[in-house]
Amino acid sequence: MDDQTQLELEAAAFRRLRKHLMEDRTDVQNIDLMNLAGFCRNCLSRWYQEAANERGIEMSKDEARVIYYGMTMAEWKAKYQTEASPDKQKDFEKSFAENVGKA
């Protein structure tokens, strides 16, 4: 496989992951993603923003989140976010420190 084909396949897989989390599985909470996998939608949008910024493309955190969520963070929270239990919140603090705190 040539490099361009690999790049296109990787981009297609990323777009499918984005669609899956943005449209197909809105029931999956960010806190659950972070606690189980060490990343969430916010991490993906941050990585997108960082990649843009590294290439000289100005992009804010909020702009990246709109690209990744398909709406503003406030809209997403109002539409899909549920209350997290104290145990989930405690697990999140640990996972965030281990995974995002390193960034």
N, C-alpha and C. Protein backbone atom coordinates (compact mmCIF):
# COMPACT_ATOMS: atom_id res chain seq x y z
N MET A 1 0.85 -1.17 0.00
CA MET A 1 0.00 0.00 0.00
C MET A 1 0.90 1.24 0.00
N ASP A 2 0.54 2.21 -0.85
CA ASP A 2 1.35 3.42 -0.89
C ASP A 2 0.93 4.38 0.23
N ASP A 3 1.79 5.36 0.49
CA ASP A 3 1.58 6.29 1.62
C ASP A 3 0.28 7.08 1.49
N GLN A 4 -0.05 7.52 0.28
CA GLN A 4 -1.27 8.31 0.08
C GLN A 4 -2.52 7.47 0.37
N THR A 5 -2.52 6.24 -0.07
CA THR A 5 -3.66 5.35 0.20
C THR A 5 -3.80 5.11 1.69
N GLN A 6 -2.68 4.88 2.36
CA GLN A 6 -2.72 4.68 3.81
C GLN A 6 -3.27 5.92 4.50
N LEU A 7 -2.82 7.10 4.11
CA LEU A 7 -3.31 8.35 4.67
C LEU A 7 -4.82 8.49 4.47
N GLU A 8 -5.30 8.16 3.28
CA GLU A 8 -6.73 8.27 2.98
C GLU A 8 -7.55 7.27 3.80
N LEU A 9 -7.03 6.06 3.98
CA LEU A 9 -7.73 5.07 4.79
C LEU A 9 -7.78 5.47 6.25
N GLU A 10 -6.66 6.00 6.76
CA GLU A 10 -6.62 6.47 8.14
C GLU A 10 -7.61 7.62 8.34
N ALA A 11 -7.67 8.54 7.39
CA ALA A 11 -8.62 9.66 7.48
C ALA A 11 -10.06 9.15 7.43
N ALA A 12 -10.32 8.17 6.60
CA ALA A 12 -11.67 7.61 6.51
C ALA A 12 -12.06 6.93 7.83
N ALA A 13 -11.12 6.21 8.44
CA ALA A 13 -11.40 5.55 9.72
C ALA A 13 -11.66 6.59 10.80
N PHE A 14 -10.91 7.68 10.80
CA PHE A 14 -11.13 8.75 11.76
C PHE A 14 -12.50 9.38 11.57
N ARG A 15 -12.86 9.66 10.31
CA ARG A 15 -14.18 10.25 10.05
C ARG A 15 -15.30 9.31 10.51
N ARG A 16 -15.10 8.01 10.34
CA ARG A 16 -16.11 7.05 10.78
C ARG A 16 -16.21 7.01 12.30
N LEU A 17 -15.08 7.08 13.00
CA LEU A 17 -15.09 7.15 14.46
C LEU A 17 -15.82 8.41 14.91
N ARG A 18 -15.53 9.52 14.27
CA ARG A 18 -16.18 10.79 14.61
C ARG A 18 -17.69 10.69 14.42
N LYS A 19 -18.12 10.14 13.29
CA LYS A 19 -19.56 9.96 13.03
C LYS A 19 -20.18 9.03 14.06
N HIS A 20 -19.49 7.97 14.38
CA HIS A 20 -20.00 7.00 15.35
C HIS A 20 -20.27 7.67 16.69
N LEU A 21 -19.32 8.47 17.17
CA LEU A 21 -19.48 9.14 18.46
C LEU A 21 -20.40 10.35 18.39
N MET A 22 -20.45 11.02 17.24
CA MET A 22 -21.26 12.23 17.10
C MET A 22 -22.72 11.91 16.79
N GLU A 23 -22.96 10.85 16.02
CA GLU A 23 -24.31 10.59 15.54
C GLU A 23 -24.88 9.26 16.01
N ASP A 24 -24.08 8.21 15.95
CA ASP A 24 -24.60 6.87 16.21
C ASP A 24 -24.69 6.53 17.70
N ARG A 25 -23.75 7.03 18.49
CA ARG A 25 -23.70 6.67 19.91
C ARG A 25 -23.65 7.90 20.81
N THR A 26 -24.61 8.76 20.64
CA THR A 26 -24.69 9.95 21.49
C THR A 26 -24.98 9.56 22.94
N ASP A 27 -25.43 8.32 23.14
CA ASP A 27 -25.70 7.84 24.50
C ASP A 27 -24.44 7.55 25.29
N VAL A 28 -23.33 7.36 24.60
CA VAL A 28 -22.07 7.08 25.29
C VAL A 28 -21.53 8.38 25.86
N GLN A 29 -21.38 8.40 27.15
CA GLN A 29 -20.96 9.61 27.85
C GLN A 29 -19.44 9.76 27.78
N ASN A 30 -18.98 11.02 27.70
CA ASN A 30 -17.54 11.29 27.69
C ASN A 30 -16.85 10.72 28.93
N ILE A 31 -17.50 10.83 30.06
CA ILE A 31 -16.89 10.33 31.30
C ILE A 31 -16.65 8.82 31.21
N ASP A 32 -17.57 8.10 30.58
CA ASP A 32 -17.39 6.66 30.42
C ASP A 32 -16.25 6.35 29.45
N LEU A 33 -16.16 7.12 28.37
CA LEU A 33 -15.04 6.94 27.43
C LEU A 33 -13.71 7.17 28.14
N MET A 34 -13.63 8.26 28.89
CA MET A 34 -12.38 8.59 29.57
C MET A 34 -12.04 7.52 30.60
N ASN A 35 -13.03 7.09 31.36
CA ASN A 35 -12.77 6.10 32.40
C ASN A 35 -12.35 4.75 31.83
N LEU A 36 -12.90 4.38 30.69
CA LEU A 36 -12.59 3.08 30.10
C LEU A 36 -11.41 3.10 29.13
N ALA A 37 -11.31 4.17 28.35
CA ALA A 37 -10.32 4.19 27.27
C ALA A 37 -9.22 5.23 27.44
N GLY A 38 -9.40 6.14 28.37
CA GLY A 38 -8.37 7.16 28.58
C GLY A 38 -8.44 8.32 27.61
N PHE A 39 -9.54 8.43 26.87
CA PHE A 39 -9.77 9.57 25.99
C PHE A 39 -11.27 9.73 25.81
N CYS A 40 -11.68 10.93 25.34
CA CYS A 40 -13.10 11.18 25.10
C CYS A 40 -13.24 12.10 23.89
N ARG A 41 -14.43 12.54 23.63
CA ARG A 41 -14.67 13.44 22.50
C ARG A 41 -13.85 14.72 22.64
N ASN A 42 -13.73 15.23 23.87
CA ASN A 42 -12.94 16.44 24.07
C ASN A 42 -11.48 16.22 23.72
N CYS A 43 -10.95 15.05 24.04
CA CYS A 43 -9.57 14.73 23.68
C CYS A 43 -9.41 14.71 22.16
N LEU A 44 -10.34 14.06 21.48
CA LEU A 44 -10.28 13.99 20.03
C LEU A 44 -10.34 15.39 19.41
N SER A 45 -11.21 16.24 19.93
CA SER A 45 -11.29 17.59 19.38
C SER A 45 -10.02 18.38 19.69
N ARG A 46 -9.42 18.14 20.86
CA ARG A 46 -8.17 18.82 21.21
C ARG A 46 -7.04 18.36 20.30
N TRP A 47 -6.98 17.06 20.03
CA TRP A 47 -5.94 16.55 19.12
C TRP A 47 -6.12 17.15 17.72
N TYR A 48 -7.36 17.31 17.30
CA TYR A 48 -7.67 17.92 16.00
C TYR A 48 -7.17 19.37 15.99
N GLN A 49 -7.49 20.10 17.06
CA GLN A 49 -7.05 21.49 17.18
C GLN A 49 -5.53 21.58 17.18
N GLU A 50 -4.88 20.73 17.94
CA GLU A 50 -3.41 20.74 18.00
C GLU A 50 -2.80 20.47 16.63
N ALA A 51 -3.37 19.52 15.89
CA ALA A 51 -2.86 19.22 14.55
C ALA A 51 -3.03 20.42 13.63
N ALA A 52 -4.16 21.10 13.73
CA ALA A 52 -4.38 22.30 12.91
C ALA A 52 -3.39 23.39 13.29
N ASN A 53 -3.25 23.64 14.58
CA ASN A 53 -2.33 24.69 15.05
C ASN A 53 -0.90 24.40 14.64
N GLU A 54 -0.48 23.13 14.69
CA GLU A 54 0.88 22.75 14.29
C GLU A 54 1.13 23.05 12.81
N ARG A 55 0.06 23.09 12.04
CA ARG A 55 0.18 23.37 10.61
C ARG A 55 -0.08 24.84 10.28
N GLY A 56 -0.14 25.67 11.33
CA GLY A 56 -0.34 27.10 11.13
C GLY A 56 -1.78 27.50 10.92
N ILE A 57 -2.72 26.60 11.18
CA ILE A 57 -4.15 26.91 11.04
C ILE A 57 -4.67 27.32 12.40
N GLU A 58 -5.14 28.56 12.49
CA GLU A 58 -5.68 29.06 13.75
C GLU A 58 -7.02 28.37 14.03
N MET A 59 -7.12 27.77 15.19
CA MET A 59 -8.36 27.10 15.58
C MET A 59 -8.45 27.11 17.10
N SER A 60 -9.56 27.57 17.62
CA SER A 60 -9.76 27.59 19.07
C SER A 60 -10.30 26.24 19.54
N LYS A 61 -10.29 26.06 20.85
CA LYS A 61 -10.84 24.85 21.44
C LYS A 61 -12.32 24.73 21.09
N ASP A 62 -13.05 25.84 21.18
CA ASP A 62 -14.48 25.81 20.89
C ASP A 62 -14.74 25.49 19.41
N GLU A 63 -13.94 26.04 18.51
CA GLU A 63 -14.10 25.74 17.08
C GLU A 63 -13.85 24.25 16.82
N ALA A 64 -12.84 23.70 17.45
CA ALA A 64 -12.54 22.27 17.27
C ALA A 64 -13.67 21.41 17.82
N ARG A 65 -14.22 21.81 18.94
CA ARG A 65 -15.32 21.03 19.52
C ARG A 65 -16.55 21.05 18.63
N VAL A 66 -16.84 22.18 18.01
CA VAL A 66 -17.98 22.24 17.08
C VAL A 66 -17.74 21.28 15.91
N ILE A 67 -16.51 21.23 15.42
CA ILE A 67 -16.18 20.31 14.33
C ILE A 67 -16.36 18.87 14.79
N TYR A 68 -15.99 18.59 16.01
CA TYR A 68 -16.06 17.21 16.49
C TYR A 68 -17.43 16.80 17.01
N TYR A 69 -18.14 17.73 17.65
CA TYR A 69 -19.46 17.42 18.20
C TYR A 69 -20.60 17.68 17.21
N GLY A 70 -20.34 18.53 16.21
CA GLY A 70 -21.40 18.92 15.29
C GLY A 70 -22.31 20.00 15.86
N MET A 71 -21.93 20.56 16.99
CA MET A 71 -22.68 21.61 17.68
C MET A 71 -21.79 22.17 18.77
N THR A 72 -22.25 23.21 19.44
CA THR A 72 -21.46 23.75 20.54
C THR A 72 -21.48 22.77 21.71
N MET A 73 -20.52 22.94 22.60
CA MET A 73 -20.45 22.09 23.78
C MET A 73 -21.70 22.26 24.65
N ALA A 74 -22.18 23.49 24.77
CA ALA A 74 -23.39 23.75 25.57
C ALA A 74 -24.59 23.02 24.99
N GLU A 75 -24.71 23.03 23.66
CA GLU A 75 -25.81 22.30 23.01
C GLU A 75 -25.69 20.80 23.25
N TRP A 76 -24.48 20.27 23.11
CA TRP A 76 -24.26 18.84 23.32
C TRP A 76 -24.64 18.44 24.74
N LYS A 77 -24.16 19.20 25.71
CA LYS A 77 -24.45 18.89 27.11
C LYS A 77 -25.96 18.90 27.37
N ALA A 78 -26.64 19.92 26.85
CA ALA A 78 -28.09 20.03 27.07
C ALA A 78 -28.84 18.87 26.41
N LYS A 79 -28.35 18.43 25.28
CA LYS A 79 -29.05 17.39 24.52
C LYS A 79 -28.72 15.97 24.98
N TYR A 80 -27.46 15.71 25.34
CA TYR A 80 -27.01 14.33 25.52
C TYR A 80 -26.36 14.00 26.86
N GLN A 81 -25.80 14.97 27.54
CA GLN A 81 -25.03 14.64 28.74
C GLN A 81 -25.95 14.33 29.92
N THR A 82 -25.61 13.27 30.63
CA THR A 82 -26.37 12.89 31.82
C THR A 82 -25.51 13.11 33.06
N GLU A 83 -26.12 13.06 34.21
CA GLU A 83 -25.42 13.25 35.47
C GLU A 83 -24.54 12.03 35.77
N ALA A 84 -23.33 12.27 36.16
CA ALA A 84 -22.40 11.19 36.49
C ALA A 84 -22.45 10.92 37.99
N SER A 85 -22.36 9.65 38.34
CA SER A 85 -22.36 9.26 39.75
C SER A 85 -21.06 9.71 40.41
N PRO A 86 -21.06 9.82 41.73
CA PRO A 86 -19.82 10.18 42.44
C PRO A 86 -18.68 9.19 42.15
N ASP A 87 -18.99 7.90 42.01
CA ASP A 87 -17.95 6.92 41.70
C ASP A 87 -17.34 7.18 40.32
N LYS A 88 -18.20 7.48 39.33
CA LYS A 88 -17.69 7.78 37.99
C LYS A 88 -16.84 9.04 38.01
N GLN A 89 -17.27 10.03 38.77
CA GLN A 89 -16.51 11.28 38.86
C GLN A 89 -15.14 11.05 39.49
N LYS A 90 -15.09 10.21 40.50
CA LYS A 90 -13.81 9.88 41.15
C LYS A 90 -12.89 9.14 40.17
N ASP A 91 -13.46 8.16 39.45
CA ASP A 91 -12.68 7.43 38.44
C ASP A 91 -12.19 8.38 37.35
N PHE A 92 -13.03 9.34 36.98
CA PHE A 92 -12.66 10.30 35.95
C PHE A 92 -11.46 11.14 36.38
N GLU A 93 -11.46 11.59 37.62
CA GLU A 93 -10.33 12.40 38.12
C GLU A 93 -9.02 11.64 37.96
N LYS A 94 -9.05 10.36 38.29
CA LYS A 94 -7.84 9.53 38.17
C LYS A 94 -7.46 9.35 36.70
N SER A 95 -8.43 9.00 35.87
CA SER A 95 -8.16 8.78 34.45
C SER A 95 -7.68 10.05 33.77
N PHE A 96 -8.31 11.18 34.09
CA PHE A 96 -7.91 12.46 33.51
C PHE A 96 -6.47 12.78 33.87
N ALA A 97 -6.12 12.60 35.15
CA ALA A 97 -4.75 12.88 35.59
C ALA A 97 -3.75 11.98 34.89
N GLU A 98 -4.11 10.72 34.70
CA GLU A 98 -3.19 9.76 34.06
C GLU A 98 -3.06 10.00 32.56
N ASN A 99 -4.13 10.43 31.91
CA ASN A 99 -4.13 10.51 30.45
C ASN A 99 -4.01 11.91 29.89
N VAL A 100 -4.70 12.85 30.47
CA VAL A 100 -4.68 14.21 29.96
C VAL A 100 -3.66 15.05 30.72
N GLY A 101 -3.49 14.75 31.99
CA GLY A 101 -2.52 15.47 32.80
C GLY A 101 -1.12 15.39 32.25
N LYS A 102 -0.86 14.33 31.47
CA LYS A 102 0.47 14.16 30.85
C LYS A 102 0.68 15.13 29.70
N ALA A 103 -0.42 15.56 29.10
CA ALA A 103 -0.33 16.38 27.87
C ALA A 103 0.35 17.69 28.10
